[in-house]
């Protein structure tokens, strides 16, 4: 799609934006391209709406000061190349990318157009920036988390389901961050008395086969690492975990809202207005190379009590006390 209007998500400002657009000369417009890893669904629209609201807070109005072009579903190298080329052909002043695949595609497409990324796990390891403090090129942005969070996932899974001794680790083999996350989980496994079973997947069929082959067991659990693939297929993963009675932990709240047991990870909306501030600064002539890559400022622990009850688990009071949200 060439361009989407997300003004409606922000309430009654739409009419004012339209009037402002008529009153302003076209030459004042700056063009922002957005390459999203998610398909055009509620979660994706919410993230873009948060970014657009962040632009408003910085004094930029869509239709008056900026034009916004969006492409969706860039959640793999194969799905990213064509939309990246299409967006670059529109000659944007700046590009916003979400997650590693989209960022890699835009970086390959342009070495000069400024790019602000969000939700990237390891921008230095991926070669996007020289360092977090001094990015050095035409990219900067906001990391998703550090790899050490993998050990925390395993600890929390053991806390909510103490009898677990075997854990299947679902990871997307198509992204570089999958290995780093698994390495951190491996480092914590022995001290927690857990045997790991890596499940490298690339699509929905491999997810189905991998979890079904691991199967149910009184001491089995499931850890789903962070990836666009897992988010896209979260309903399938949650259904398989329920079918095989696997206590499961996820990186994001939306898994638990959809029926998953527990999640711990960053708030996925919080980097969007922060990215808008970087976009604003770059449009005002600052350089991406001089803006440090920033880490998350908010993490969420979410527990679904209904799912715990269905699995026959009693959630420790200490865990409930630490939870940011409990779904009952």
C-alpha atoms as a PDB file:
ATOM      1  CA  UNK A   1       0.000   0.000   0.000  1.00  0.00           C
ATOM      2  CA  UNK A   2       1.271   3.467  -0.857  1.00  0.00           C
ATOM      3  CA  UNK A   3       0.151   5.413   2.167  1.00  0.00           C
ATOM      4  CA  UNK A   4      -1.997   4.903   5.236  1.00  0.00           C
ATOM      5  CA  UNK A   5      -3.815   7.435   7.370  1.00  0.00           C
ATOM      6  CA  UNK A   6      -3.493   6.721  11.058  1.00  0.00           C
ATOM      7  CA  UNK A   7      -4.903  10.027  12.108  1.00  0.00           C
ATOM      8  CA  UNK A   8      -8.193   8.390  13.013  1.00  0.00           C
ATOM      9  CA  UNK A   9      -6.443   6.370  15.697  1.00  0.00           C
ATOM     10  CA  UNK A  10      -5.548   9.596  17.412  1.00  0.00           C
ATOM     11  CA  UNK A  11      -9.115  10.821  17.800  1.00  0.00           C
ATOM     12  CA  UNK A  12     -10.483  14.202  16.900  1.00  0.00           C
ATOM     13  CA  UNK A  13      -7.272  15.695  15.568  1.00  0.00           C
ATOM     14  CA  UNK A  14      -7.987  14.431  12.037  1.00  0.00           C
ATOM     15  CA  UNK A  15     -10.061  17.399  10.964  1.00  0.00           C
ATOM     16  CA  UNK A  16      -7.525  19.880  12.264  1.00  0.00           C
ATOM     17  CA  UNK A  17      -4.710  18.085  10.424  1.00  0.00           C
ATOM     18  CA  UNK A  18      -6.648  18.218   7.154  1.00  0.00           C
ATOM     19  CA  UNK A  19      -7.296  21.943   7.528  1.00  0.00           C
ATOM     20  CA  UNK A  20      -3.668  22.548   8.400  1.00  0.00           C
ATOM     21  CA  UNK A  21      -2.594  20.626   5.273  1.00  0.00           C
ATOM     22  CA  UNK A  22      -4.678  22.906   3.032  1.00  0.00           C
ATOM     23  CA  UNK A  23      -3.158  26.003   4.583  1.00  0.00           C
ATOM     24  CA  UNK A  24       0.489  25.002   4.165  1.00  0.00           C
ATOM     25  CA  UNK A  25       2.622  25.082   1.022  1.00  0.00           C
ATOM     26  CA  UNK A  26       3.567  21.645  -0.348  1.00  0.00           C
ATOM     27  CA  UNK A  27       7.278  22.469  -0.410  1.00  0.00           C
ATOM     28  CA  UNK A  28       7.359  22.414   3.390  1.00  0.00           C
ATOM     29  CA  UNK A  29       6.485  18.726   3.438  1.00  0.00           C
ATOM     30  CA  UNK A  30       9.100  16.240   4.535  1.00  0.00           C
ATOM     31  CA  UNK A  31       8.706  12.568   3.643  1.00  0.00           C
ATOM     32  CA  UNK A  32       8.966   9.776   6.221  1.00  0.00           C
ATOM     33  CA  UNK A  33       9.075   6.126   5.112  1.00  0.00           C
ATOM     34  CA  UNK A  34       8.119   3.368   7.557  1.00  0.00           C
ATOM     35  CA  UNK A  35       8.975  -0.305   7.068  1.00  0.00           C
ATOM     36  CA  UNK A  36       7.107  -2.442   9.617  1.00  0.00           C
ATOM     37  CA  UNK A  37       7.877  -6.028  10.532  1.00  0.00           C
ATOM     38  CA  UNK A  38       4.256  -6.765  11.465  1.00  0.00           C
ATOM     39  CA  UNK A  39       1.402  -7.216   9.018  1.00  0.00           C
ATOM     40  CA  UNK A  40      -1.221  -4.491   9.011  1.00  0.00           C
ATOM     41  CA  UNK A  41      -3.003  -5.642  12.158  1.00  0.00           C
ATOM     42  CA  UNK A  42      -4.089  -4.008  15.415  1.00  0.00           C
ATOM     43  CA  UNK A  43      -0.639  -4.296  17.004  1.00  0.00           C
ATOM     44  CA  UNK A  44       1.067  -2.807  13.965  1.00  0.00           C
ATOM     45  CA  UNK A  45      -1.418   0.052  13.714  1.00  0.00           C
ATOM     46  CA  UNK A  46      -1.018   0.822  17.419  1.00  0.00           C
ATOM     47  CA  UNK A  47       2.744   1.102  17.036  1.00  0.00           C
ATOM     48  CA  UNK A  48       2.453   3.420  14.062  1.00  0.00           C
ATOM     49  CA  UNK A  49      -0.174   5.486  15.877  1.00  0.00           C
ATOM     50  CA  UNK A  50       2.209   5.859  18.837  1.00  0.00           C
ATOM     51  CA  UNK A  51       4.927   7.032  16.457  1.00  0.00           C
ATOM     52  CA  UNK A  52       2.592   9.516  14.744  1.00  0.00           C
ATOM     53  CA  UNK A  53       1.488  10.863  18.122  1.00  0.00           C
ATOM     54  CA  UNK A  54       5.155  11.234  19.012  1.00  0.00           C
ATOM     55  CA  UNK A  55       5.632  13.337  15.876  1.00  0.00           C
ATOM     56  CA  UNK A  56       2.683  15.504  16.923  1.00  0.00           C
ATOM     57  CA  UNK A  57       4.292  15.996  20.329  1.00  0.00           C
ATOM     58  CA  UNK A  58       7.444  17.142  18.524  1.00  0.00           C
ATOM     59  CA  UNK A  59       5.459  19.643  16.438  1.00  0.00           C
ATOM     60  CA  UNK A  60       5.128  17.663  13.195  1.00  0.00           C
ATOM     61  CA  UNK A  61       1.699  17.112  11.654  1.00  0.00           C
ATOM     62  CA  UNK A  62       0.987  14.475   9.022  1.00  0.00           C
ATOM     63  CA  UNK A  63      -0.488  16.254   6.019  1.00  0.00           C
ATOM     64  CA  UNK A  64       0.882  19.631   7.062  1.00  0.00           C
ATOM     65  CA  UNK A  65       4.598  19.115   7.724  1.00  0.00           C
ATOM     66  CA  UNK A  66       5.213  15.499   6.728  1.00  0.00           C
ATOM     67  CA  UNK A  67       3.979  12.791   4.413  1.00  0.00           C
ATOM     68  CA  UNK A  68       4.150   9.213   5.662  1.00  0.00           C
ATOM     69  CA  UNK A  69       4.536   6.126   3.447  1.00  0.00           C
ATOM     70  CA  UNK A  70       4.257   2.662   5.006  1.00  0.00           C
ATOM     71  CA  UNK A  71       4.940  -0.917   4.004  1.00  0.00           C
ATOM     72  CA  UNK A  72       3.941  -3.866   6.190  1.00  0.00           C
ATOM     73  CA  UNK A  73       4.994  -7.442   6.890  1.00  0.00           C
ATOM     74  CA  UNK A  74       8.758  -7.057   6.465  1.00  0.00           C
ATOM     75  CA  UNK A  75       9.417  -9.850   8.972  1.00  0.00           C
ATOM     76  CA  UNK A  76      12.053 -11.760   7.002  1.00  0.00           C
ATOM     77  CA  UNK A  77      14.793 -10.976   4.484  1.00  0.00           C
ATOM     78  CA  UNK A  78      12.574 -12.287   1.676  1.00  0.00           C
ATOM     79  CA  UNK A  79       9.612 -10.130   2.712  1.00  0.00           C
ATOM     80  CA  UNK A  80      11.728  -7.012   3.226  1.00  0.00           C
ATOM     81  CA  UNK A  81      13.598  -6.465  -0.033  1.00  0.00           C
ATOM     82  CA  UNK A  82      10.742  -5.378  -2.327  1.00  0.00           C
ATOM     83  CA  UNK A  83       9.043  -2.952   0.091  1.00  0.00           C
ATOM     84  CA  UNK A  84      12.422  -1.476   1.009  1.00  0.00           C
ATOM     85  CA  UNK A  85      13.101  -0.762  -2.651  1.00  0.00           C
ATOM     86  CA  UNK A  86       9.618   0.704  -3.121  1.00  0.00           C
ATOM     87  CA  UNK A  87       9.999   3.050  -0.168  1.00  0.00           C
ATOM     88  CA  UNK A  88      13.442   4.219  -1.214  1.00  0.00           C
ATOM     89  CA  UNK A  89      12.094   5.028  -4.683  1.00  0.00           C
ATOM     90  CA  UNK A  90       9.804   7.590  -3.028  1.00  0.00           C
ATOM     91  CA  UNK A  91      12.934   9.525  -1.976  1.00  0.00           C
ATOM     92  CA  UNK A  92      12.133   9.866   1.717  1.00  0.00           C
ATOM     93  CA  UNK A  93      13.967  12.336   3.922  1.00  0.00           C
ATOM     94  CA  UNK A  94      14.199   9.722   6.669  1.00  0.00           C
ATOM     95  CA  UNK A  95      13.205   6.094   7.274  1.00  0.00           C
ATOM     96  CA  UNK A  96      11.794   4.348  10.349  1.00  0.00           C
ATOM     97  CA  UNK A  97      12.336   0.578  10.500  1.00  0.00           C
ATOM     98  CA  UNK A  98      10.932  -1.982  12.919  1.00  0.00           C
ATOM     99  CA  UNK A  99      13.023  -5.045  13.873  1.00  0.00           C
ATOM    100  CA  UNK A 100      16.158  -6.489  12.310  1.00  0.00           C
ATOM    101  CA  UNK A 101      14.953  -7.802   8.940  1.00  0.00           C
ATOM    102  CA  UNK A 102      13.398  -4.494   7.933  1.00  0.00           C
ATOM    103  CA  UNK A 103      16.442  -2.585   9.175  1.00  0.00           C
ATOM    104  CA  UNK A 104      18.866  -4.809   7.260  1.00  0.00           C
ATOM    105  CA  UNK A 105      16.865  -4.389   4.058  1.00  0.00           C
ATOM    106  CA  UNK A 106      16.799  -0.601   4.285  1.00  0.00           C
ATOM    107  CA  UNK A 107      20.464  -0.432   5.218  1.00  0.00           C
ATOM    108  CA  UNK A 108      21.303  -2.480   2.146  1.00  0.00           C
ATOM    109  CA  UNK A 109      19.085  -0.270  -0.004  1.00  0.00           C
ATOM    110  CA  UNK A 110      20.631   3.023   1.125  1.00  0.00           C
ATOM    111  CA  UNK A 111      23.896   4.054   2.759  1.00  0.00           C
ATOM    112  CA  UNK A 112      22.944   7.738   2.885  1.00  0.00           C
ATOM    113  CA  UNK A 113      19.281   8.185   3.836  1.00  0.00           C
ATOM    114  CA  UNK A 114      18.995   8.495   7.644  1.00  0.00           C
ATOM    115  CA  UNK A 115      17.405   5.446   9.276  1.00  0.00           C
ATOM    116  CA  UNK A 116      15.975   5.260  12.792  1.00  0.00           C
ATOM    117  CA  UNK A 117      15.326   1.685  13.927  1.00  0.00           C
ATOM    118  CA  UNK A 118      13.277   0.271  16.792  1.00  0.00           C
ATOM    119  CA  UNK A 119      13.042  -3.216  18.323  1.00  0.00           C
ATOM    120  CA  UNK A 120      16.486  -4.390  17.148  1.00  0.00           C
ATOM    121  CA  UNK A 121      18.240  -6.771  19.542  1.00  0.00           C
ATOM    122  CA  UNK A 122      21.918  -6.414  18.614  1.00  0.00           C
ATOM    123  CA  UNK A 123      22.579  -3.498  16.231  1.00  0.00           C
ATOM    124  CA  UNK A 124      26.355  -3.726  16.705  1.00  0.00           C
ATOM    125  CA  UNK A 125      26.483  -7.485  16.069  1.00  0.00           C
ATOM    126  CA  UNK A 126      24.212  -7.062  13.048  1.00  0.00           C
ATOM    127  CA  UNK A 127      26.570  -4.439  11.615  1.00  0.00           C
ATOM    128  CA  UNK A 128      24.008  -1.636  11.681  1.00  0.00           C
ATOM    129  CA  UNK A 129      26.141   0.676  13.847  1.00  0.00           C
ATOM    130  CA  UNK A 130      29.787   0.931  14.865  1.00  0.00           C
ATOM    131  CA  UNK A 131      28.945   1.249  18.567  1.00  0.00           C
ATOM    132  CA  UNK A 132      25.954   2.109  20.730  1.00  0.00           C
ATOM    133  CA  UNK A 133      27.485   5.385  21.876  1.00  0.00           C
ATOM    134  CA  UNK A 134      28.681   6.482  18.411  1.00  0.00           C
ATOM    135  CA  UNK A 135      26.673   4.781  15.662  1.00  0.00           C
ATOM    136  CA  UNK A 136      28.914   6.262  12.976  1.00  0.00           C
ATOM    137  CA  UNK A 137      26.835   5.816   9.821  1.00  0.00           C
ATOM    138  CA  UNK A 138      23.334   6.662   8.654  1.00  0.00           C
ATOM    139  CA  UNK A 139      21.575   4.506  11.283  1.00  0.00           C
ATOM    140  CA  UNK A 140      20.652   4.938  14.924  1.00  0.00           C
ATOM    141  CA  UNK A 141      17.742   3.907  17.083  1.00  0.00           C
ATOM    142  CA  UNK A 142      16.452   1.853  19.982  1.00  0.00           C
ATOM    143  CA  UNK A 143      17.372  -1.662  21.040  1.00  0.00           C
ATOM    144  CA  UNK A 144      14.826  -4.290  22.033  1.00  0.00           C
ATOM    145  CA  UNK A 145      16.723  -5.818  24.987  1.00  0.00           C
ATOM    146  CA  UNK A 146      20.044  -7.384  25.918  1.00  0.00           C
ATOM    147  CA  UNK A 147      20.645 -11.094  25.350  1.00  0.00           C
ATOM    148  CA  UNK A 148      20.920 -11.642  29.100  1.00  0.00           C
ATOM    149  CA  UNK A 149      17.127 -11.481  29.279  1.00  0.00           C
ATOM    150  CA  UNK A 150      17.140 -15.120  28.078  1.00  0.00           C
ATOM    151  CA  UNK A 151      18.353 -16.291  31.467  1.00  0.00           C
ATOM    152  CA  UNK A 152      15.578 -14.294  33.147  1.00  0.00           C
ATOM    153  CA  UNK A 153      12.962 -16.026  30.974  1.00  0.00           C
ATOM    154  CA  UNK A 154      14.165 -19.430  32.116  1.00  0.00           C
ATOM    155  CA  UNK A 155      14.238 -18.355  35.766  1.00  0.00           C
ATOM    156  CA  UNK A 156      10.654 -17.091  35.600  1.00  0.00           C
ATOM    157  CA  UNK A 157       9.451 -20.252  33.868  1.00  0.00           C
ATOM    158  CA  UNK A 158      10.970 -22.350  36.666  1.00  0.00           C
ATOM    159  CA  UNK A 159       9.434 -20.036  39.271  1.00  0.00           C
ATOM    160  CA  UNK A 160       5.902 -20.419  37.932  1.00  0.00           C
ATOM    161  CA  UNK A 161       6.320 -24.148  37.136  1.00  0.00           C
ATOM    162  CA  UNK A 162       8.990 -25.491  39.547  1.00  0.00           C
ATOM    163  CA  UNK A 163       8.787 -29.139  38.415  1.00  0.00           C
ATOM    164  CA  UNK A 164       9.996 -28.348  34.909  1.00  0.00           C
ATOM    165  CA  UNK A 165      13.233 -30.103  33.934  1.00  0.00           C
ATOM    166  CA  UNK A 166      12.975 -30.114  30.098  1.00  0.00           C
ATOM    167  CA  UNK A 167      12.336 -26.951  28.103  1.00  0.00           C
ATOM    168  CA  UNK A 168      11.830 -26.612  24.365  1.00  0.00           C
ATOM    169  CA  UNK A 169      13.281 -23.307  23.138  1.00  0.00           C
ATOM    170  CA  UNK A 170      11.450 -22.019  20.069  1.00  0.00           C
ATOM    171  CA  UNK A 171      13.676 -19.719  18.006  1.00  0.00           C
ATOM    172  CA  UNK A 172      13.668 -18.282  14.514  1.00  0.00           C
ATOM    173  CA  UNK A 173      16.771 -19.565  12.727  1.00  0.00           C
ATOM    174  CA  UNK A 174      16.386 -16.850  10.098  1.00  0.00           C
ATOM    175  CA  UNK A 175      17.486 -14.016  12.394  1.00  0.00           C
ATOM    176  CA  UNK A 176      20.911 -13.483  13.923  1.00  0.00           C
ATOM    177  CA  UNK A 177      19.409 -12.612  17.316  1.00  0.00           C
ATOM    178  CA  UNK A 178      18.057 -16.149  17.673  1.00  0.00           C
ATOM    179  CA  UNK A 179      21.508 -17.558  18.434  1.00  0.00           C
ATOM    180  CA  UNK A 180      22.342 -14.851  20.943  1.00  0.00           C
ATOM    181  CA  UNK A 181      19.112 -15.363  22.856  1.00  0.00           C
ATOM    182  CA  UNK A 182      19.623 -19.132  22.924  1.00  0.00           C
ATOM    183  CA  UNK A 183      23.184 -18.712  24.167  1.00  0.00           C
ATOM    184  CA  UNK A 184      21.981 -16.716  27.183  1.00  0.00           C
ATOM    185  CA  UNK A 185      19.337 -19.345  27.937  1.00  0.00           C
ATOM    186  CA  UNK A 186      21.973 -22.098  27.721  1.00  0.00           C
ATOM    187  CA  UNK A 187      24.185 -20.251  30.182  1.00  0.00           C
ATOM    188  CA  UNK A 188      21.405 -20.294  32.803  1.00  0.00           C
ATOM    189  CA  UNK A 189      20.089 -23.821  32.165  1.00  0.00           C
ATOM    190  CA  UNK A 190      22.581 -25.892  34.169  1.00  0.00           C
ATOM    191  CA  UNK A 191      22.252 -23.876  37.374  1.00  0.00           C
ATOM    192  CA  UNK A 192      18.461 -24.218  37.138  1.00  0.00           C
ATOM    193  CA  UNK A 193      18.563 -27.959  36.483  1.00  0.00           C
ATOM    194  CA  UNK A 194      16.970 -27.677  33.074  1.00  0.00           C
ATOM    195  CA  UNK A 195      17.689 -29.658  29.896  1.00  0.00           C
ATOM    196  CA  UNK A 196      17.107 -27.629  26.757  1.00  0.00           C
ATOM    197  CA  UNK A 197      15.661 -28.778  23.450  1.00  0.00           C
ATOM    198  CA  UNK A 198      16.254 -26.147  20.726  1.00  0.00           C
ATOM    199  CA  UNK A 199      13.488 -25.905  18.132  1.00  0.00           C
ATOM    200  CA  UNK A 200      14.788 -23.953  15.140  1.00  0.00           C
ATOM    201  CA  UNK A 201      11.859 -22.890  12.969  1.00  0.00           C
ATOM    202  CA  UNK A 202      11.268 -20.874   9.820  1.00  0.00           C
ATOM    203  CA  UNK A 203       7.503 -21.067   9.281  1.00  0.00           C
ATOM    204  CA  UNK A 204       4.174 -22.166  10.746  1.00  0.00           C
ATOM    205  CA  UNK A 205       4.566 -25.804   9.691  1.00  0.00           C
ATOM    206  CA  UNK A 206       7.920 -26.123  11.458  1.00  0.00           C
ATOM    207  CA  UNK A 207       6.415 -24.546  14.583  1.00  0.00           C
ATOM    208  CA  UNK A 208       3.644 -27.148  14.536  1.00  0.00           C
ATOM    209  CA  UNK A 209       6.003 -30.073  13.958  1.00  0.00           C
ATOM    210  CA  UNK A 210       8.576 -28.929  16.502  1.00  0.00           C
ATOM    211  CA  UNK A 211       6.201 -28.366  19.424  1.00  0.00           C
ATOM    212  CA  UNK A 212       4.158 -31.487  18.634  1.00  0.00           C
ATOM    213  CA  UNK A 213       7.311 -33.628  18.467  1.00  0.00           C
ATOM    214  CA  UNK A 214       8.487 -32.296  21.830  1.00  0.00           C
ATOM    215  CA  UNK A 215       5.068 -33.168  23.175  1.00  0.00           C
ATOM    216  CA  UNK A 216       3.478 -33.181  26.594  1.00  0.00           C
ATOM    217  CA  UNK A 217       5.144 -34.337  29.779  1.00  0.00           C
ATOM    218  CA  UNK A 218       4.821 -33.626  33.494  1.00  0.00           C
ATOM    219  CA  UNK A 219       8.203 -31.892  33.555  1.00  0.00           C
ATOM    220  CA  UNK A 220       8.142 -30.197  30.144  1.00  0.00           C
ATOM    221  CA  UNK A 221       7.930 -26.492  29.377  1.00  0.00           C
ATOM    222  CA  UNK A 222       8.207 -24.116  26.433  1.00  0.00           C
ATOM    223  CA  UNK A 223      10.244 -20.928  26.049  1.00  0.00           C
ATOM    224  CA  UNK A 224       9.493 -18.804  22.984  1.00  0.00           C
ATOM    225  CA  UNK A 225      12.284 -16.378  22.126  1.00  0.00           C
ATOM    226  CA  UNK A 226      11.600 -12.964  20.626  1.00  0.00           C
ATOM    227  CA  UNK A 227      11.123 -12.814  16.866  1.00  0.00           C
ATOM    228  CA  UNK A 228       8.666 -11.371  14.340  1.00  0.00           C
ATOM    229  CA  UNK A 229       7.922 -14.967  13.251  1.00  0.00           C
ATOM    230  CA  UNK A 230       6.742 -15.904  16.743  1.00  0.00           C
ATOM    231  CA  UNK A 231       4.559 -12.800  17.004  1.00  0.00           C
ATOM    232  CA  UNK A 232       2.921 -13.450  13.641  1.00  0.00           C
ATOM    233  CA  UNK A 233       2.125 -17.062  14.638  1.00  0.00           C
ATOM    234  CA  UNK A 234       1.408 -16.452  18.320  1.00  0.00           C
ATOM    235  CA  UNK A 235      -2.129 -17.902  18.195  1.00  0.00           C
ATOM    236  CA  UNK A 236      -0.809 -21.176  16.778  1.00  0.00           C
ATOM    237  CA  UNK A 237       1.982 -21.336  19.372  1.00  0.00           C
ATOM    238  CA  UNK A 238      -0.404 -20.634  22.250  1.00  0.00           C
ATOM    239  CA  UNK A 239      -2.888 -23.245  20.986  1.00  0.00           C
ATOM    240  CA  UNK A 240      -0.129 -25.868  20.690  1.00  0.00           C
ATOM    241  CA  UNK A 241       1.142 -25.063  24.191  1.00  0.00           C
ATOM    242  CA  UNK A 242      -2.380 -25.498  25.571  1.00  0.00           C
ATOM    243  CA  UNK A 243      -2.973 -28.722  23.636  1.00  0.00           C
ATOM    244  CA  UNK A 244       0.238 -30.280  24.960  1.00  0.00           C
ATOM    245  CA  UNK A 245      -0.152 -28.723  28.427  1.00  0.00           C
ATOM    246  CA  UNK A 246       3.189 -26.936  28.279  1.00  0.00           C
ATOM    247  CA  UNK A 247       3.806 -24.100  30.751  1.00  0.00           C
ATOM    248  CA  UNK A 248       5.223 -21.402  28.494  1.00  0.00           C
ATOM    249  CA  UNK A 249       6.983 -18.069  28.728  1.00  0.00           C
ATOM    250  CA  UNK A 250       7.112 -15.377  26.066  1.00  0.00           C
ATOM    251  CA  UNK A 251       8.896 -12.097  25.452  1.00  0.00           C
ATOM    252  CA  UNK A 252       5.843  -9.899  24.999  1.00  0.00           C
ATOM    253  CA  UNK A 253       2.553  -9.082  26.685  1.00  0.00           C
ATOM    254  CA  UNK A 254       0.430  -9.739  23.574  1.00  0.00           C
ATOM    255  CA  UNK A 255       1.178 -13.475  23.891  1.00  0.00           C
ATOM    256  CA  UNK A 256      -0.263 -13.539  27.409  1.00  0.00           C
ATOM    257  CA  UNK A 257      -3.246 -11.401  26.418  1.00  0.00           C
ATOM    258  CA  UNK A 258      -3.972 -14.048  23.759  1.00  0.00           C
ATOM    259  CA  UNK A 259      -3.852 -16.906  26.295  1.00  0.00           C
ATOM    260  CA  UNK A 260      -0.167 -17.540  27.002  1.00  0.00           C
ATOM    261  CA  UNK A 261       0.954 -18.210  30.572  1.00  0.00           C
ATOM    262  CA  UNK A 262       3.611 -15.598  31.368  1.00  0.00           C
ATOM    263  CA  UNK A 263       5.727 -12.980  29.632  1.00  0.00           C
ATOM    264  CA  UNK A 264       8.624 -10.736  30.495  1.00  0.00           C
ATOM    265  CA  UNK A 265       9.980  -8.144  28.135  1.00  0.00           C
ATOM    266  CA  UNK A 266       9.934  -4.571  26.902  1.00  0.00           C
ATOM    267  CA  UNK A 267       6.859  -2.469  26.308  1.00  0.00           C
ATOM    268  CA  UNK A 268       6.709  -2.489  22.500  1.00  0.00           C
ATOM    269  CA  UNK A 269       4.939   0.870  22.240  1.00  0.00           C
ATOM    270  CA  UNK A 270       7.372   2.874  24.379  1.00  0.00           C
ATOM    271  CA  UNK A 271      10.158   3.150  21.765  1.00  0.00           C
ATOM    272  CA  UNK A 272       7.804   4.607  19.137  1.00  0.00           C
ATOM    273  CA  UNK A 273       7.488   8.155  20.556  1.00  0.00           C
ATOM    274  CA  UNK A 274      11.173   8.038  21.425  1.00  0.00           C
ATOM    275  CA  UNK A 275      11.900   7.191  17.793  1.00  0.00           C
ATOM    276  CA  UNK A 276       9.725  10.133  16.763  1.00  0.00           C
ATOM    277  CA  UNK A 277      11.979  12.416  18.812  1.00  0.00           C
ATOM    278  CA  UNK A 278      15.032  11.116  16.944  1.00  0.00           C
ATOM    279  CA  UNK A 279      13.263  11.541  13.593  1.00  0.00           C
ATOM    280  CA  UNK A 280      12.442  15.120  14.555  1.00  0.00           C
ATOM    281  CA  UNK A 281      16.025  15.863  15.542  1.00  0.00           C
ATOM    282  CA  UNK A 282      17.388  14.433  12.307  1.00  0.00           C
ATOM    283  CA  UNK A 283      14.850  16.367  10.226  1.00  0.00           C
ATOM    284  CA  UNK A 284      16.155  19.444  12.029  1.00  0.00           C
ATOM    285  CA  UNK A 285      19.674  18.701  10.747  1.00  0.00           C
ATOM    286  CA  UNK A 286      21.210  16.545  13.468  1.00  0.00           C
ATOM    287  CA  UNK A 287      23.070  13.471  12.209  1.00  0.00           C
ATOM    288  CA  UNK A 288      22.125   9.882  12.927  1.00  0.00           C
ATOM    289  CA  UNK A 289      25.817   9.126  13.430  1.00  0.00           C
ATOM    290  CA  UNK A 290      25.877  11.435  16.457  1.00  0.00           C
ATOM    291  CA  UNK A 291      22.745  10.154  18.228  1.00  0.00           C
ATOM    292  CA  UNK A 292      23.493   7.229  20.573  1.00  0.00           C
ATOM    293  CA  UNK A 293      21.533   3.993  20.335  1.00  0.00           C
ATOM    294  CA  UNK A 294      19.293   3.773  23.395  1.00  0.00           C
ATOM    295  CA  UNK A 295      18.092   0.816  25.468  1.00  0.00           C
ATOM    296  CA  UNK A 296      14.531   0.135  26.692  1.00  0.00           C
ATOM    297  CA  UNK A 297      13.292   2.082  29.686  1.00  0.00           C
ATOM    298  CA  UNK A 298      10.348  -0.135  30.612  1.00  0.00           C
ATOM    299  CA  UNK A 299       9.924  -3.907  31.031  1.00  0.00           C
ATOM    300  CA  UNK A 300       6.676  -5.731  31.804  1.00  0.00           C
ATOM    301  CA  UNK A 301       5.957  -8.919  33.730  1.00  0.00           C
ATOM    302  CA  UNK A 302       2.502 -10.254  32.828  1.00  0.00           C
ATOM    303  CA  UNK A 303       0.780 -13.390  34.181  1.00  0.00           C
ATOM    304  CA  UNK A 304      -2.401 -15.073  32.953  1.00  0.00           C
ATOM    305  CA  UNK A 305      -4.105 -16.697  35.955  1.00  0.00           C
ATOM    306  CA  UNK A 306      -6.730 -18.404  33.828  1.00  0.00           C
ATOM    307  CA  UNK A 307      -4.041 -20.205  31.862  1.00  0.00           C
ATOM    308  CA  UNK A 308      -2.204 -21.119  35.071  1.00  0.00           C
ATOM    309  CA  UNK A 309      -5.403 -22.646  36.485  1.00  0.00           C
ATOM    310  CA  UNK A 310      -6.009 -24.587  33.275  1.00  0.00           C
ATOM    311  CA  UNK A 311      -2.500 -26.064  33.610  1.00  0.00           C
ATOM    312  CA  UNK A 312      -3.007 -26.864  37.280  1.00  0.00           C
ATOM    313  CA  UNK A 313      -0.378 -24.365  38.412  1.00  0.00           C
ATOM    314  CA  UNK A 314      -0.440 -22.278  41.566  1.00  0.00           C
ATOM    315  CA  UNK A 315       1.280 -18.969  40.899  1.00  0.00           C
ATOM    316  CA  UNK A 316       3.593 -18.030  43.797  1.00  0.00           C
ATOM    317  CA  UNK A 317       2.430 -14.909  45.650  1.00  0.00           C
ATOM    318  CA  UNK A 318       5.907 -13.436  45.304  1.00  0.00           C
ATOM    319  CA  UNK A 319       5.591 -13.634  41.509  1.00  0.00           C
ATOM    320  CA  UNK A 320       2.106 -12.096  41.532  1.00  0.00           C
ATOM    321  CA  UNK A 321       3.385  -9.254  43.696  1.00  0.00           C
ATOM    322  CA  UNK A 322       6.053  -8.405  41.105  1.00  0.00           C
ATOM    323  CA  UNK A 323       3.721  -8.635  38.102  1.00  0.00           C
ATOM    324  CA  UNK A 324       2.890  -5.437  36.238  1.00  0.00           C
ATOM    325  CA  UNK A 325      -0.357  -7.018  35.068  1.00  0.00           C
ATOM    326  CA  UNK A 326      -2.351 -10.079  36.087  1.00  0.00           C
ATOM    327  CA  UNK A 327      -4.981 -11.368  33.661  1.00  0.00           C
ATOM    328  CA  UNK A 328      -7.773 -13.157  35.532  1.00  0.00           C
END
